[in-house]
C-alpha atoms as a PDB file:
ATOM      1  CA  MET A   1     272.327 178.309  22.043  1.00  0.00           C
ATOM      2  CA  ARG A   2     272.613 177.482  25.722  1.00  0.00           C
ATOM      3  CA  LEU A   3     272.737 173.873  26.868  1.00  0.00           C
ATOM      4  CA  THR A   4     271.386 172.987  30.263  1.00  0.00           C
ATOM      5  CA  GLU A   5     272.618 170.055  32.288  1.00  0.00           C
ATOM      6  CA  VAL A   6     269.944 167.420  32.826  1.00  0.00           C
ATOM      7  CA  ARG A   7     269.419 166.383  36.425  1.00  0.00           C
ATOM      8  CA  TYR A   8     267.972 162.978  37.129  1.00  0.00           C
ATOM      9  CA  GLY A   9     267.203 163.343  40.834  1.00  0.00           C
ATOM     10  CA  ASP A  10     267.319 159.957  42.518  1.00  0.00           C
ATOM     11  CA  GLY A  11     267.060 158.068  39.220  1.00  0.00           C
ATOM     12  CA  THR A  12     269.861 156.369  37.342  1.00  0.00           C
ATOM     13  CA  PRO A  13     270.237 157.293  33.651  1.00  0.00           C
ATOM     14  CA  ILE A  14     270.959 154.784  30.915  1.00  0.00           C
ATOM     15  CA  ASP A  15     274.309 155.901  29.516  1.00  0.00           C
ATOM     16  CA  GLY A  16     274.539 153.558  26.552  1.00  0.00           C
ATOM     17  CA  TYR A  17     273.836 150.173  25.028  1.00  0.00           C
ATOM     18  CA  GLY A  18     275.271 147.831  22.453  1.00  0.00           C
ATOM     19  CA  PRO A  19     275.168 144.216  21.340  1.00  0.00           C
ATOM     20  CA  GLY A  20     274.321 142.279  24.490  1.00  0.00           C
ATOM     21  CA  PHE A  21     274.879 145.017  27.091  1.00  0.00           C
ATOM     22  CA  PHE A  22     273.530 148.190  28.695  1.00  0.00           C
ATOM     23  CA  ARG A  23     275.551 150.842  30.557  1.00  0.00           C
ATOM     24  CA  VAL A  24     273.473 152.254  33.403  1.00  0.00           C
ATOM     25  CA  GLY A  25     274.846 154.877  35.761  1.00  0.00           C
ATOM     26  CA  GLY A  26     278.355 154.190  34.448  1.00  0.00           C
ATOM     27  CA  THR A  27     278.220 150.422  35.075  1.00  0.00           C
ATOM     28  CA  VAL A  28     278.040 147.872  32.260  1.00  0.00           C
ATOM     29  CA  HIS A  29     275.380 145.162  32.619  1.00  0.00           C
ATOM     30  CA  GLU A  30     275.538 142.151  30.304  1.00  0.00           C
ATOM     31  CA  GLY A  31     272.234 140.781  29.014  1.00  0.00           C
ATOM     32  CA  ALA A  32     268.752 141.936  29.957  1.00  0.00           C
ATOM     33  CA  VAL A  33     268.477 144.613  32.646  1.00  0.00           C
ATOM     34  CA  LEU A  34     265.763 145.959  34.935  1.00  0.00           C
ATOM     35  CA  VAL A  35     266.085 149.609  35.947  1.00  0.00           C
ATOM     36  CA  LEU A  36     263.837 150.712  38.798  1.00  0.00           C
ATOM     37  CA  PRO A  37     264.124 153.619  41.235  1.00  0.00           C
ATOM     38  CA  GLY A  38     267.029 152.779  43.512  1.00  0.00           C
ATOM     39  CA  SER A  39     268.068 149.573  41.749  1.00  0.00           C
ATOM     40  CA  VAL A  40     269.599 148.216  38.562  1.00  0.00           C
ATOM     41  CA  THR A  41     269.608 144.420  38.272  1.00  0.00           C
ATOM     42  CA  SER A  42     269.736 141.725  35.653  1.00  0.00           C
ATOM     43  CA  TRP A  43     266.296 140.821  34.348  1.00  0.00           C
ATOM     44  CA  GLN A  44     265.258 137.250  33.671  1.00  0.00           C
ATOM     45  CA  GLY A  45     262.706 138.255  31.026  1.00  0.00           C
ATOM     46  CA  TYR A  46     258.950 138.091  30.854  1.00  0.00           C
ATOM     47  CA  ASP A  47     258.601 135.407  33.538  1.00  0.00           C
ATOM     48  CA  ALA A  48     260.224 137.801  36.044  1.00  0.00           C
ATOM     49  CA  HIS A  49     257.294 140.161  36.535  1.00  0.00           C
ATOM     50  CA  ASP A  50     257.288 140.151  40.367  1.00  0.00           C
ATOM     51  CA  PRO A  51     260.077 142.764  40.807  1.00  0.00           C
ATOM     52  CA  ILE A  52     258.226 145.099  38.454  1.00  0.00           C
ATOM     53  CA  ALA A  53     254.820 144.585  40.070  1.00  0.00           C
ATOM     54  CA  GLY A  54     256.484 145.059  43.463  1.00  0.00           C
ATOM     55  CA  ALA A  55     257.602 148.542  42.402  1.00  0.00           C
ATOM     56  CA  ALA A  56     254.031 149.769  41.910  1.00  0.00           C
ATOM     57  CA  GLU A  57     254.344 152.321  44.720  1.00  0.00           C
ATOM     58  CA  ARG A  58     257.469 153.797  43.086  1.00  0.00           C
ATOM     59  CA  ILE A  59     256.661 153.783  39.358  1.00  0.00           C
ATOM     60  CA  ASP A  60     253.676 154.645  37.193  1.00  0.00           C
ATOM     61  CA  VAL A  61     254.980 153.221  33.906  1.00  0.00           C
ATOM     62  CA  ILE A  62     257.429 150.521  32.858  1.00  0.00           C
ATOM     63  CA  LEU A  63     259.084 150.832  29.468  1.00  0.00           C
ATOM     64  CA  VAL A  64     259.629 147.379  27.990  1.00  0.00           C
ATOM     65  CA  GLY A  65     262.433 147.210  25.443  1.00  0.00           C
ATOM     66  CA  THR A  66     261.861 144.134  23.269  1.00  0.00           C
ATOM     67  CA  GLY A  67     265.334 144.010  21.704  1.00  0.00           C
ATOM     68  CA  ALA A  68     266.520 145.291  18.342  1.00  0.00           C
ATOM     69  CA  GLU A  69     262.964 145.732  17.070  1.00  0.00           C
ATOM     70  CA  ILE A  70     259.585 146.286  18.631  1.00  0.00           C
ATOM     71  CA  GLY A  71     257.780 143.047  19.285  1.00  0.00           C
ATOM     72  CA  PRO A  72     254.848 141.665  21.232  1.00  0.00           C
ATOM     73  CA  ILE A  73     255.015 140.792  24.914  1.00  0.00           C
ATOM     74  CA  PRO A  74     253.299 137.775  26.490  1.00  0.00           C
ATOM     75  CA  GLU A  75     249.767 138.448  27.693  1.00  0.00           C
ATOM     76  CA  PRO A  76     250.367 136.945  31.185  1.00  0.00           C
ATOM     77  CA  PHE A  77     253.250 139.410  31.690  1.00  0.00           C
ATOM     78  CA  ARG A  78     251.076 142.343  30.617  1.00  0.00           C
ATOM     79  CA  ALA A  79     248.195 141.201  32.831  1.00  0.00           C
ATOM     80  CA  LYS A  80     250.390 140.923  35.966  1.00  0.00           C
ATOM     81  CA  ILE A  81     251.921 144.365  35.469  1.00  0.00           C
ATOM     82  CA  GLU A  82     248.620 146.077  34.707  1.00  0.00           C
ATOM     83  CA  ALA A  83     246.957 144.332  37.678  1.00  0.00           C
ATOM     84  CA  ALA A  84     249.600 145.997  39.869  1.00  0.00           C
ATOM     85  CA  GLY A  85     248.457 149.383  38.526  1.00  0.00           C
ATOM     86  CA  ILE A  86     251.512 150.012  36.342  1.00  0.00           C
ATOM     87  CA  GLY A  87     251.201 151.188  32.753  1.00  0.00           C
ATOM     88  CA  ILE A  88     253.260 149.472  30.047  1.00  0.00           C
ATOM     89  CA  GLU A  89     254.868 151.020  26.995  1.00  0.00           C
ATOM     90  CA  ILE A  90     256.432 148.611  24.500  1.00  0.00           C
ATOM     91  CA  MET A  91     259.187 149.661  22.111  1.00  0.00           C
ATOM     92  CA  ALA A  92     262.529 148.584  20.719  1.00  0.00           C
ATOM     93  CA  SER A  93     265.206 148.652  23.425  1.00  0.00           C
ATOM     94  CA  ALA A  94     267.111 151.583  21.881  1.00  0.00           C
ATOM     95  CA  ALA A  95     263.952 153.707  21.872  1.00  0.00           C
ATOM     96  CA  ALA A  96     263.128 152.573  25.411  1.00  0.00           C
ATOM     97  CA  CYS A  97     266.558 153.745  26.628  1.00  0.00           C
ATOM     98  CA  ARG A  98     266.131 157.178  25.079  1.00  0.00           C
ATOM     99  CA  THR A  99     262.538 157.550  26.285  1.00  0.00           C
ATOM    100  CA  TYR A 100     263.502 156.442  29.791  1.00  0.00           C
ATOM    101  CA  ASN A 101     266.159 159.165  30.049  1.00  0.00           C
ATOM    102  CA  VAL A 102     263.804 161.876  28.792  1.00  0.00           C
ATOM    103  CA  LEU A 103     261.046 160.900  31.219  1.00  0.00           C
ATOM    104  CA  LEU A 104     263.509 160.484  34.088  1.00  0.00           C
ATOM    105  CA  GLY A 105     264.844 163.974  33.370  1.00  0.00           C
ATOM    106  CA  GLU A 106     261.268 165.265  33.639  1.00  0.00           C
ATOM    107  CA  GLY A 107     260.967 163.733  37.094  1.00  0.00           C
ATOM    108  CA  ARG A 108     258.520 161.021  36.038  1.00  0.00           C
ATOM    109  CA  ARG A 109     258.084 157.813  38.053  1.00  0.00           C
ATOM    110  CA  ILE A 110     259.488 155.441  35.466  1.00  0.00           C
ATOM    111  CA  GLY A 111     261.203 152.066  35.135  1.00  0.00           C
ATOM    112  CA  ALA A 112     262.682 150.092  32.255  1.00  0.00           C
ATOM    113  CA  ALA A 113     262.817 146.366  31.533  1.00  0.00           C
ATOM    114  CA  LEU A 114     265.229 145.906  28.621  1.00  0.00           C
ATOM    115  CA  LEU A 115     266.122 142.930  26.459  1.00  0.00           C
ATOM    116  CA  PRO A 116     269.498 143.313  24.731  1.00  0.00           C
ATOM    117  CA  VAL A 117     269.825 144.548  21.162  1.00  0.00           C
END
């Protein structure tokens, strides 16, 4: 079997996660994190939808990691993101990290908003 190195282009892969942290592009971020093309910042949760909506020209879909288990997101958050023309996929944060890396490796225009596990 031959393994091929995955190339992420301009994106930053999520290297790992654990209780209360995410490691993105080799840097550990405590708490919730927002990963968008060209930036990795702390995320203040569902009330902080403006940075995501503002990335509408750079992403098609935002993966929302709801923590250790999949859970609902507030309707006002969903409405603001969808009004910006961005699709939303909701999943547990661990699944969101894995899915983000796969889609990033495919060259997709993707972002991730992750609550800690």
